[in-house]
Amino acid sequence: MSSHGYSVNLMYNNSIVAGTATEAEAQLISHNSDTNYDHVRVNFDVTGPATPEIIAYEANGTPINVMDYGYWGPAEGFALYMGDYINKTPIKATFPVPGTYTIKMDLVDMDNLQAVIASETYKINVGVKVTVVAGDNQGTYVTDGIGSFDSLAIPEPEKDGYIFAGWYTDANFTTALDTTKDLTENITVYAKFEVSNTETDEEESNTTEENTVVEENKGEKDETPKTGVANYAGIAVIAIAISAATLFIIRKNRI
């Protein structure tokens, strides 16, 4: 809402992480305004799961926490003049816990019982940072306000020769992550992989085939010595018989 050509804006990054200072910018805009004001200030009203810290700066560069006063600017206010311009004030906001916060900014006339000149309301979702480690890959995600790991809709990781075996909260894979539970603080999550059964089955199959070939070759080699022994035995018998017959003939001739 604005009147007499003035408005207030709050510019900020949509991915806000709980406990992390976020740079933002408060703007006071005059759209060819037709009214001067001698004493105005910007009131801040914040509702949410906790009280944030909103740091703005005085003219001399001194940082102040707007939430300690409920407004930005001198207590007696500052002057606004007609024209077309934008006054920008850098701020840093830190939201201690995740959740949804509502920030209302009112530009008020201090000389008229704080009559509202311009007003804007912002709904800000503060999330947590989730660092995902999947093998050699790593990525960072931020929940949209309070949300579970599942709410991030992170694709199931892949690794050649392995199958995905779940998310864990430690690198040793001792504590499984409850992916349906709301996250309340920044967290690092690890993907566990196990050797694919398909790969194992193929290796076992190849090993079995190799063993079968070896056994068959062994069987063929065993037959050859046996056949040779039998042949040599037969030859020996024949040789003995011939020798005996020859000896008999010699003896008979001698007689």
C-alpha atoms as a PDB file:
ATOM      1  CA  MET A   1       0.000   0.000   0.000  1.00  0.00           C
ATOM      2  CA  SER A   2       1.271   3.479  -0.770  1.00  0.00           C
ATOM      3  CA  SER A   3      -0.023   7.003  -0.766  1.00  0.00           C
ATOM      4  CA  HIS A   4       1.204  10.322  -2.099  1.00  0.00           C
ATOM      5  CA  GLY A   5       3.673   8.467  -4.342  1.00  0.00           C
ATOM      6  CA  TYR A   6       5.800   6.728  -1.698  1.00  0.00           C
ATOM      7  CA  SER A   7       6.463   3.015  -1.171  1.00  0.00           C
ATOM      8  CA  VAL A   8       8.730   0.752   0.862  1.00  0.00           C
ATOM      9  CA  ASN A   9      10.339  -2.459  -0.401  1.00  0.00           C
ATOM     10  CA  LEU A  10      12.443  -5.248   1.034  1.00  0.00           C
ATOM     11  CA  MET A  11      14.770  -7.008  -1.408  1.00  0.00           C
ATOM     12  CA  TYR A  12      16.196 -10.360  -0.293  1.00  0.00           C
ATOM     13  CA  ASN A  13      17.384 -13.750  -1.476  1.00  0.00           C
ATOM     14  CA  ASN A  14      14.682 -16.432  -1.536  1.00  0.00           C
ATOM     15  CA  SER A  15      17.009 -19.155  -0.201  1.00  0.00           C
ATOM     16  CA  ILE A  16      17.424 -18.051   3.404  1.00  0.00           C
ATOM     17  CA  VAL A  17      19.177 -20.435   5.798  1.00  0.00           C
ATOM     18  CA  ALA A  18      18.452 -20.420   9.528  1.00  0.00           C
ATOM     19  CA  GLY A  19      21.307 -19.121  11.641  1.00  0.00           C
ATOM     20  CA  THR A  20      23.082 -17.556   8.661  1.00  0.00           C
ATOM     21  CA  ALA A  21      23.276 -13.804   8.111  1.00  0.00           C
ATOM     22  CA  THR A  22      21.518 -12.894   4.868  1.00  0.00           C
ATOM     23  CA  GLU A  23      22.238  -9.672   3.045  1.00  0.00           C
ATOM     24  CA  ALA A  24      19.143  -7.734   2.057  1.00  0.00           C
ATOM     25  CA  GLU A  25      18.131  -4.218   1.148  1.00  0.00           C
ATOM     26  CA  ALA A  26      15.414  -1.904   2.422  1.00  0.00           C
ATOM     27  CA  GLN A  27      14.169   0.621  -0.108  1.00  0.00           C
ATOM     28  CA  LEU A  28      12.188   3.820   0.271  1.00  0.00           C
ATOM     29  CA  ILE A  29      10.881   4.906  -3.108  1.00  0.00           C
ATOM     30  CA  SER A  30       9.379   8.197  -4.187  1.00  0.00           C
ATOM     31  CA  HIS A  31       7.334   7.882  -7.374  1.00  0.00           C
ATOM     32  CA  ASN A  32       7.121  11.556  -8.350  1.00  0.00           C
ATOM     33  CA  SER A  33       5.588  12.158  -4.948  1.00  0.00           C
ATOM     34  CA  ASP A  34       3.524  15.287  -4.420  1.00  0.00           C
ATOM     35  CA  THR A  35       3.918  15.695  -0.658  1.00  0.00           C
ATOM     36  CA  ASN A  36       6.773  16.594   1.662  1.00  0.00           C
ATOM     37  CA  TYR A  37       7.120  15.108   5.135  1.00  0.00           C
ATOM     38  CA  ASP A  38       9.249  16.574   7.885  1.00  0.00           C
ATOM     39  CA  HIS A  39       9.406  13.586  10.201  1.00  0.00           C
ATOM     40  CA  VAL A  40       8.897   9.990   9.020  1.00  0.00           C
ATOM     41  CA  ARG A  41      10.362   6.646   9.957  1.00  0.00           C
ATOM     42  CA  VAL A  42       9.963   3.002   8.969  1.00  0.00           C
ATOM     43  CA  ASN A  43       8.408   0.727  11.581  1.00  0.00           C
ATOM     44  CA  PHE A  44       9.222  -2.988  11.525  1.00  0.00           C
ATOM     45  CA  ASP A  45       6.899  -5.652  12.896  1.00  0.00           C
ATOM     46  CA  VAL A  46       8.037  -9.279  12.687  1.00  0.00           C
ATOM     47  CA  THR A  47       6.113 -12.410  13.638  1.00  0.00           C
ATOM     48  CA  GLY A  48       7.405 -15.967  13.444  1.00  0.00           C
ATOM     49  CA  PRO A  49       8.844 -18.881  15.417  1.00  0.00           C
ATOM     50  CA  ALA A  50      11.622 -16.684  16.876  1.00  0.00           C
ATOM     51  CA  THR A  51      12.830 -13.087  16.908  1.00  0.00           C
ATOM     52  CA  PRO A  52      15.307 -12.390  14.105  1.00  0.00           C
ATOM     53  CA  GLU A  53      18.213  -9.989  14.157  1.00  0.00           C
ATOM     54  CA  ILE A  54      17.893  -7.248  11.543  1.00  0.00           C
ATOM     55  CA  ILE A  55      20.988  -5.084  11.344  1.00  0.00           C
ATOM     56  CA  ALA A  56      20.725  -1.682   9.653  1.00  0.00           C
ATOM     57  CA  TYR A  57      23.143   1.220   9.726  1.00  0.00           C
ATOM     58  CA  GLU A  58      22.906   4.770  10.945  1.00  0.00           C
ATOM     59  CA  ALA A  59      24.126   7.685   8.862  1.00  0.00           C
ATOM     60  CA  ASN A  60      27.546   7.481  10.511  1.00  0.00           C
ATOM     61  CA  GLY A  61      27.832   3.744   9.750  1.00  0.00           C
ATOM     62  CA  THR A  62      26.991   2.496  13.223  1.00  0.00           C
ATOM     63  CA  PRO A  63      25.122  -0.840  13.076  1.00  0.00           C
ATOM     64  CA  ILE A  64      21.871  -1.131  15.006  1.00  0.00           C
ATOM     65  CA  ASN A  65      19.488  -4.023  15.508  1.00  0.00           C
ATOM     66  CA  VAL A  66      16.151  -2.771  14.216  1.00  0.00           C
ATOM     67  CA  MET A  67      14.355  -5.346  16.365  1.00  0.00           C
ATOM     68  CA  ASP A  68      15.668  -3.646  19.510  1.00  0.00           C
ATOM     69  CA  TYR A  69      13.671  -0.530  18.607  1.00  0.00           C
ATOM     70  CA  GLY A  70      10.929  -1.719  16.282  1.00  0.00           C
ATOM     71  CA  TYR A  71      11.809   0.882  13.655  1.00  0.00           C
ATOM     72  CA  TRP A  72      14.590   2.141  11.429  1.00  0.00           C
ATOM     73  CA  GLY A  73      15.673   5.767  11.408  1.00  0.00           C
ATOM     74  CA  PRO A  74      16.101   8.464  14.056  1.00  0.00           C
ATOM     75  CA  ALA A  75      13.596   8.386  16.890  1.00  0.00           C
ATOM     76  CA  GLU A  76      12.280  11.784  15.791  1.00  0.00           C
ATOM     77  CA  GLY A  77      12.154  10.678  12.161  1.00  0.00           C
ATOM     78  CA  PHE A  78      13.706  12.044   8.967  1.00  0.00           C
ATOM     79  CA  ALA A  79      12.438  14.241   6.161  1.00  0.00           C
ATOM     80  CA  LEU A  80      10.982  13.157   2.818  1.00  0.00           C
ATOM     81  CA  TYR A  81      10.841  15.427  -0.176  1.00  0.00           C
ATOM     82  CA  MET A  82       8.852  15.386  -3.364  1.00  0.00           C
ATOM     83  CA  GLY A  83      10.495  13.941  -6.462  1.00  0.00           C
ATOM     84  CA  ASP A  84      11.444  10.672  -8.099  1.00  0.00           C
ATOM     85  CA  TYR A  85      14.162   8.710  -6.291  1.00  0.00           C
ATOM     86  CA  ILE A  86      15.082   5.536  -4.394  1.00  0.00           C
ATOM     87  CA  ASN A  87      16.816   5.503  -1.030  1.00  0.00           C
ATOM     88  CA  LYS A  88      18.538   2.139  -0.470  1.00  0.00           C
ATOM     89  CA  THR A  89      19.682   0.860   2.897  1.00  0.00           C
ATOM     90  CA  PRO A  90      21.706  -2.388   3.165  1.00  0.00           C
ATOM     91  CA  ILE A  91      20.665  -4.654   5.998  1.00  0.00           C
ATOM     92  CA  LYS A  92      21.636  -8.085   7.294  1.00  0.00           C
ATOM     93  CA  ALA A  93      18.977 -10.398   8.652  1.00  0.00           C
ATOM     94  CA  THR A  94      19.597 -13.522  10.707  1.00  0.00           C
ATOM     95  CA  PHE A  95      16.700 -15.847  11.496  1.00  0.00           C
ATOM     96  CA  PRO A  96      17.664 -18.199  14.347  1.00  0.00           C
ATOM     97  CA  VAL A  97      15.370 -21.128  13.504  1.00  0.00           C
ATOM     98  CA  PRO A  98      13.640 -22.380  10.364  1.00  0.00           C
ATOM     99  CA  GLY A  99      10.022 -21.580   9.707  1.00  0.00           C
ATOM    100  CA  THR A 100       7.796 -18.917   8.195  1.00  0.00           C
ATOM    101  CA  TYR A 101       8.259 -15.299   9.234  1.00  0.00           C
ATOM    102  CA  THR A 102       6.113 -12.291   8.390  1.00  0.00           C
ATOM    103  CA  ILE A 103       7.749  -8.872   8.148  1.00  0.00           C
ATOM    104  CA  LYS A 104       5.591  -5.770   7.958  1.00  0.00           C
ATOM    105  CA  MET A 105       7.163  -2.434   7.041  1.00  0.00           C
ATOM    106  CA  ASP A 106       5.205   0.789   7.630  1.00  0.00           C
ATOM    107  CA  LEU A 107       6.370   4.219   6.546  1.00  0.00           C
ATOM    108  CA  VAL A 108       4.673   6.506   9.075  1.00  0.00           C
ATOM    109  CA  ASP A 109       4.217  10.251   9.563  1.00  0.00           C
ATOM    110  CA  MET A 110       5.521  11.152  13.021  1.00  0.00           C
ATOM    111  CA  ASP A 111       3.740  14.504  12.870  1.00  0.00           C
ATOM    112  CA  ASN A 112       0.341  12.876  12.339  1.00  0.00           C
ATOM    113  CA  LEU A 113       0.037  10.210  15.036  1.00  0.00           C
ATOM    114  CA  GLN A 114       2.126   7.814  12.949  1.00  0.00           C
ATOM    115  CA  ALA A 115      -0.346   7.809  10.101  1.00  0.00           C
ATOM    116  CA  VAL A 116       0.711   5.180   7.561  1.00  0.00           C
ATOM    117  CA  ILE A 117       2.074   6.655   4.332  1.00  0.00           C
ATOM    118  CA  ALA A 118       3.150   3.343   2.755  1.00  0.00           C
ATOM    119  CA  SER A 119       3.084  -0.270   3.885  1.00  0.00           C
ATOM    120  CA  GLU A 120       4.317  -3.646   2.631  1.00  0.00           C
ATOM    121  CA  THR A 121       4.113  -7.134   4.140  1.00  0.00           C
ATOM    122  CA  TYR A 122       6.509  -9.961   3.280  1.00  0.00           C
ATOM    123  CA  LYS A 123       6.208 -13.654   3.995  1.00  0.00           C
ATOM    124  CA  ILE A 124       9.643 -15.225   4.303  1.00  0.00           C
ATOM    125  CA  ASN A 125      10.342 -18.946   4.448  1.00  0.00           C
ATOM    126  CA  VAL A 126      13.542 -19.734   6.316  1.00  0.00           C
ATOM    127  CA  GLY A 127      14.954 -23.206   5.772  1.00  0.00           C
ATOM    128  CA  VAL A 128      17.967 -25.326   6.659  1.00  0.00           C
ATOM    129  CA  LYS A 129      20.982 -26.161   4.527  1.00  0.00           C
ATOM    130  CA  VAL A 130      21.341 -29.792   3.513  1.00  0.00           C
ATOM    131  CA  THR A 131      24.729 -30.900   2.189  1.00  0.00           C
ATOM    132  CA  VAL A 132      24.482 -34.148   0.234  1.00  0.00           C
ATOM    133  CA  VAL A 133      27.564 -36.342  -0.229  1.00  0.00           C
ATOM    134  CA  ALA A 134      27.154 -39.128  -2.786  1.00  0.00           C
ATOM    135  CA  GLY A 135      30.458 -40.805  -3.548  1.00  0.00           C
ATOM    136  CA  ASP A 136      32.707 -38.198  -5.164  1.00  0.00           C
ATOM    137  CA  ASN A 137      29.794 -35.828  -5.752  1.00  0.00           C
ATOM    138  CA  GLN A 138      28.547 -33.176  -3.359  1.00  0.00           C
ATOM    139  CA  GLY A 139      25.656 -30.734  -3.543  1.00  0.00           C
ATOM    140  CA  THR A 140      23.880 -28.214  -1.330  1.00  0.00           C
ATOM    141  CA  TYR A 141      20.130 -27.717  -0.979  1.00  0.00           C
ATOM    142  CA  VAL A 142      17.952 -25.429   1.150  1.00  0.00           C
ATOM    143  CA  THR A 143      14.511 -26.413   2.394  1.00  0.00           C
ATOM    144  CA  ASP A 144      11.645 -24.026   1.748  1.00  0.00           C
ATOM    145  CA  GLY A 145      10.930 -23.216   5.371  1.00  0.00           C
ATOM    146  CA  ILE A 146      10.378 -26.176   7.663  1.00  0.00           C
ATOM    147  CA  GLY A 147      10.522 -29.354   5.636  1.00  0.00           C
ATOM    148  CA  SER A 148      11.775 -32.920   5.492  1.00  0.00           C
ATOM    149  CA  PHE A 149      14.572 -34.351   3.394  1.00  0.00           C
ATOM    150  CA  ASP A 150      11.939 -35.849   1.119  1.00  0.00           C
ATOM    151  CA  SER A 151      10.530 -32.367   0.460  1.00  0.00           C
ATOM    152  CA  LEU A 152      13.739 -31.513  -1.400  1.00  0.00           C
ATOM    153  CA  ALA A 153      12.922 -34.160  -4.036  1.00  0.00           C
ATOM    154  CA  ILE A 154      16.600 -35.017  -4.515  1.00  0.00           C
ATOM    155  CA  PRO A 155      17.085 -37.625  -7.273  1.00  0.00           C
ATOM    156  CA  GLU A 156      18.346 -41.024  -6.157  1.00  0.00           C
ATOM    157  CA  PRO A 157      22.128 -41.062  -6.724  1.00  0.00           C
ATOM    158  CA  GLU A 158      23.791 -43.523  -9.088  1.00  0.00           C
ATOM    159  CA  LYS A 159      27.212 -45.175  -9.164  1.00  0.00           C
ATOM    160  CA  ASP A 160      28.492 -47.625 -11.775  1.00  0.00           C
ATOM    161  CA  GLY A 161      28.535 -51.190 -10.493  1.00  0.00           C
ATOM    162  CA  TYR A 162      26.665 -50.286  -7.303  1.00  0.00           C
ATOM    163  CA  ILE A 163      23.121 -49.832  -6.069  1.00  0.00           C
ATOM    164  CA  PHE A 164      21.891 -47.047  -3.802  1.00  0.00           C
ATOM    165  CA  ALA A 165      21.328 -48.325  -0.233  1.00  0.00           C
ATOM    166  CA  GLY A 166      19.863 -45.303   1.566  1.00  0.00           C
ATOM    167  CA  TRP A 167      20.731 -41.982   3.204  1.00  0.00           C
ATOM    168  CA  TYR A 168      22.755 -41.742   6.424  1.00  0.00           C
ATOM    169  CA  THR A 169      23.742 -38.967   8.809  1.00  0.00           C
ATOM    170  CA  ASP A 170      27.363 -40.109   9.152  1.00  0.00           C
ATOM    171  CA  ALA A 171      30.150 -41.130   6.802  1.00  0.00           C
ATOM    172  CA  ASN A 172      30.409 -44.580   8.433  1.00  0.00           C
ATOM    173  CA  PHE A 173      26.764 -45.351   7.612  1.00  0.00           C
ATOM    174  CA  THR A 174      25.745 -46.261  11.152  1.00  0.00           C
ATOM    175  CA  THR A 175      22.708 -43.977  11.533  1.00  0.00           C
ATOM    176  CA  ALA A 176      20.029 -43.994   8.853  1.00  0.00           C
ATOM    177  CA  LEU A 177      18.266 -40.711   8.089  1.00  0.00           C
ATOM    178  CA  ASP A 178      14.520 -40.475   8.646  1.00  0.00           C
ATOM    179  CA  THR A 179      13.748 -38.731   5.373  1.00  0.00           C
ATOM    180  CA  THR A 180      10.149 -37.982   6.391  1.00  0.00           C
ATOM    181  CA  LYS A 181      11.021 -36.065   9.559  1.00  0.00           C
ATOM    182  CA  ASP A 182      11.190 -32.256   9.483  1.00  0.00           C
ATOM    183  CA  LEU A 183      14.748 -30.932   9.598  1.00  0.00           C
ATOM    184  CA  THR A 184      15.457 -28.362  12.295  1.00  0.00           C
ATOM    185  CA  GLU A 185      19.129 -27.606  11.683  1.00  0.00           C
ATOM    186  CA  ASN A 186      21.767 -27.679   8.986  1.00  0.00           C
ATOM    187  CA  ILE A 187      22.842 -31.228   8.201  1.00  0.00           C
ATOM    188  CA  THR A 188      25.194 -33.278   6.034  1.00  0.00           C
ATOM    189  CA  VAL A 189      23.709 -36.445   4.535  1.00  0.00           C
ATOM    190  CA  TYR A 190      25.663 -39.355   3.040  1.00  0.00           C
ATOM    191  CA  ALA A 191      24.544 -41.752   0.313  1.00  0.00           C
ATOM    192  CA  LYS A 192      25.384 -45.410   0.920  1.00  0.00           C
ATOM    193  CA  PHE A 193      26.168 -47.713  -1.996  1.00  0.00           C
ATOM    194  CA  GLU A 194      26.423 -51.498  -2.141  1.00  0.00           C
ATOM    195  CA  VAL A 195      27.913 -53.734  -4.805  1.00  0.00           C
ATOM    196  CA  SER A 196      25.309 -54.611  -7.397  1.00  0.00           C
ATOM    197  CA  ASN A 197      24.022 -58.236  -7.169  1.00  0.00           C
ATOM    198  CA  THR A 198      23.987 -58.347 -10.954  1.00  0.00           C
ATOM    199  CA  GLU A 199      27.720 -57.743 -11.065  1.00  0.00           C
ATOM    200  CA  THR A 200      28.316 -60.418  -8.404  1.00  0.00           C
ATOM    201  CA  ASP A 201      26.156 -62.975 -10.222  1.00  0.00           C
ATOM    202  CA  GLU A 202      28.024 -62.355 -13.477  1.00  0.00           C
ATOM    203  CA  GLU A 203      31.385 -62.799 -11.756  1.00  0.00           C
ATOM    204  CA  GLU A 204      30.248 -66.044 -10.096  1.00  0.00           C
ATOM    205  CA  SER A 205      28.892 -67.298 -13.425  1.00  0.00           C
ATOM    206  CA  ASN A 206      32.190 -66.574 -15.181  1.00  0.00           C
ATOM    207  CA  THR A 207      34.117 -68.313 -12.391  1.00  0.00           C
ATOM    208  CA  THR A 208      31.886 -71.408 -12.641  1.00  0.00           C
ATOM    209  CA  GLU A 209      32.366 -71.620 -16.405  1.00  0.00           C
ATOM    210  CA  GLU A 210      36.145 -71.377 -16.044  1.00  0.00           C
ATOM    211  CA  ASN A 211      36.175 -74.138 -13.408  1.00  0.00           C
ATOM    212  CA  THR A 212      34.044 -76.385 -15.643  1.00  0.00           C
ATOM    213  CA  VAL A 213      36.497 -76.028 -18.519  1.00  0.00           C
ATOM    214  CA  VAL A 214      39.417 -76.857 -16.256  1.00  0.00           C
ATOM    215  CA  GLU A 215      37.700 -79.972 -14.892  1.00  0.00           C
ATOM    216  CA  GLU A 216      36.853 -81.182 -18.393  1.00  0.00           C
ATOM    217  CA  ASN A 217      40.443 -80.742 -19.494  1.00  0.00           C
ATOM    218  CA  LYS A 218      41.642 -82.646 -16.455  1.00  0.00           C
ATOM    219  CA  GLY A 219      39.308 -85.558 -17.351  1.00  0.00           C
ATOM    220  CA  GLU A 220      40.695 -85.786 -20.868  1.00  0.00           C
ATOM    221  CA  LYS A 221      44.269 -85.825 -19.612  1.00  0.00           C
ATOM    222  CA  ASP A 222      43.497 -88.616 -17.134  1.00  0.00           C
ATOM    223  CA  GLU A 223      42.224 -90.956 -19.856  1.00  0.00           C
ATOM    224  CA  THR A 224      45.424 -90.847 -21.860  1.00  0.00           C
ATOM    225  CA  PRO A 225      47.729 -92.371 -19.199  1.00  0.00           C
ATOM    226  CA  LYS A 226      45.226 -95.096 -18.446  1.00  0.00           C
ATOM    227  CA  THR A 227      45.016 -96.096 -22.118  1.00  0.00           C
ATOM    228  CA  GLY A 228      48.801 -96.047 -22.383  1.00  0.00           C
ATOM    229  CA  VAL A 229      49.278 -98.308 -19.379  1.00  0.00           C
ATOM    230  CA  ALA A 230      46.783-100.796 -20.764  1.00  0.00           C
ATOM    231  CA  ASN A 231      48.566-100.858 -24.132  1.00  0.00           C
ATOM    232  CA  TYR A 232      51.965-101.338 -22.531  1.00  0.00           C
ATOM    233  CA  ALA A 233      50.587-104.167 -20.401  1.00  0.00           C
ATOM    234  CA  GLY A 234      49.178-105.919 -23.467  1.00  0.00           C
ATOM    235  CA  ILE A 235      52.443-105.572 -25.336  1.00  0.00           C
ATOM    236  CA  ALA A 236      54.330-106.981 -22.360  1.00  0.00           C
ATOM    237  CA  VAL A 237      52.087-110.059 -22.250  1.00  0.00           C
ATOM    238  CA  ILE A 238      52.584-110.697 -25.956  1.00  0.00           C
ATOM    239  CA  ALA A 239      56.348-110.272 -25.581  1.00  0.00           C
ATOM    240  CA  ILE A 240      56.467-112.782 -22.736  1.00  0.00           C
ATOM    241  CA  ALA A 241      54.424-115.291 -24.736  1.00  0.00           C
ATOM    242  CA  ILE A 242      56.727-114.955 -27.750  1.00  0.00           C
ATOM    243  CA  SER A 243      59.804-115.337 -25.565  1.00  0.00           C
ATOM    244  CA  ALA A 244      58.402-118.475 -23.971  1.00  0.00           C
ATOM    245  CA  ALA A 245      57.568-120.019 -27.342  1.00  0.00           C
ATOM    246  CA  THR A 246      61.023-119.238 -28.691  1.00  0.00           C
ATOM    247  CA  LEU A 247      62.680-120.778 -25.660  1.00  0.00           C
ATOM    248  CA  PHE A 248      60.601-123.935 -26.070  1.00  0.00           C
ATOM    249  CA  ILE A 249      61.623-124.273 -29.721  1.00  0.00           C
ATOM    250  CA  ILE A 250      65.317-123.801 -28.902  1.00  0.00           C
ATOM    251  CA  ARG A 251      65.208-126.401 -26.208  1.00  0.00           C
ATOM    252  CA  LYS A 252      63.408-128.866 -28.467  1.00  0.00           C
ATOM    253  CA  ASN A 253      66.012-128.432 -31.175  1.00  0.00           C
ATOM    254  CA  ARG A 254      68.802-129.086 -28.716  1.00  0.00           C
ATOM    255  CA  ILE A 255      67.210-132.359 -27.706  1.00  0.00           C
END
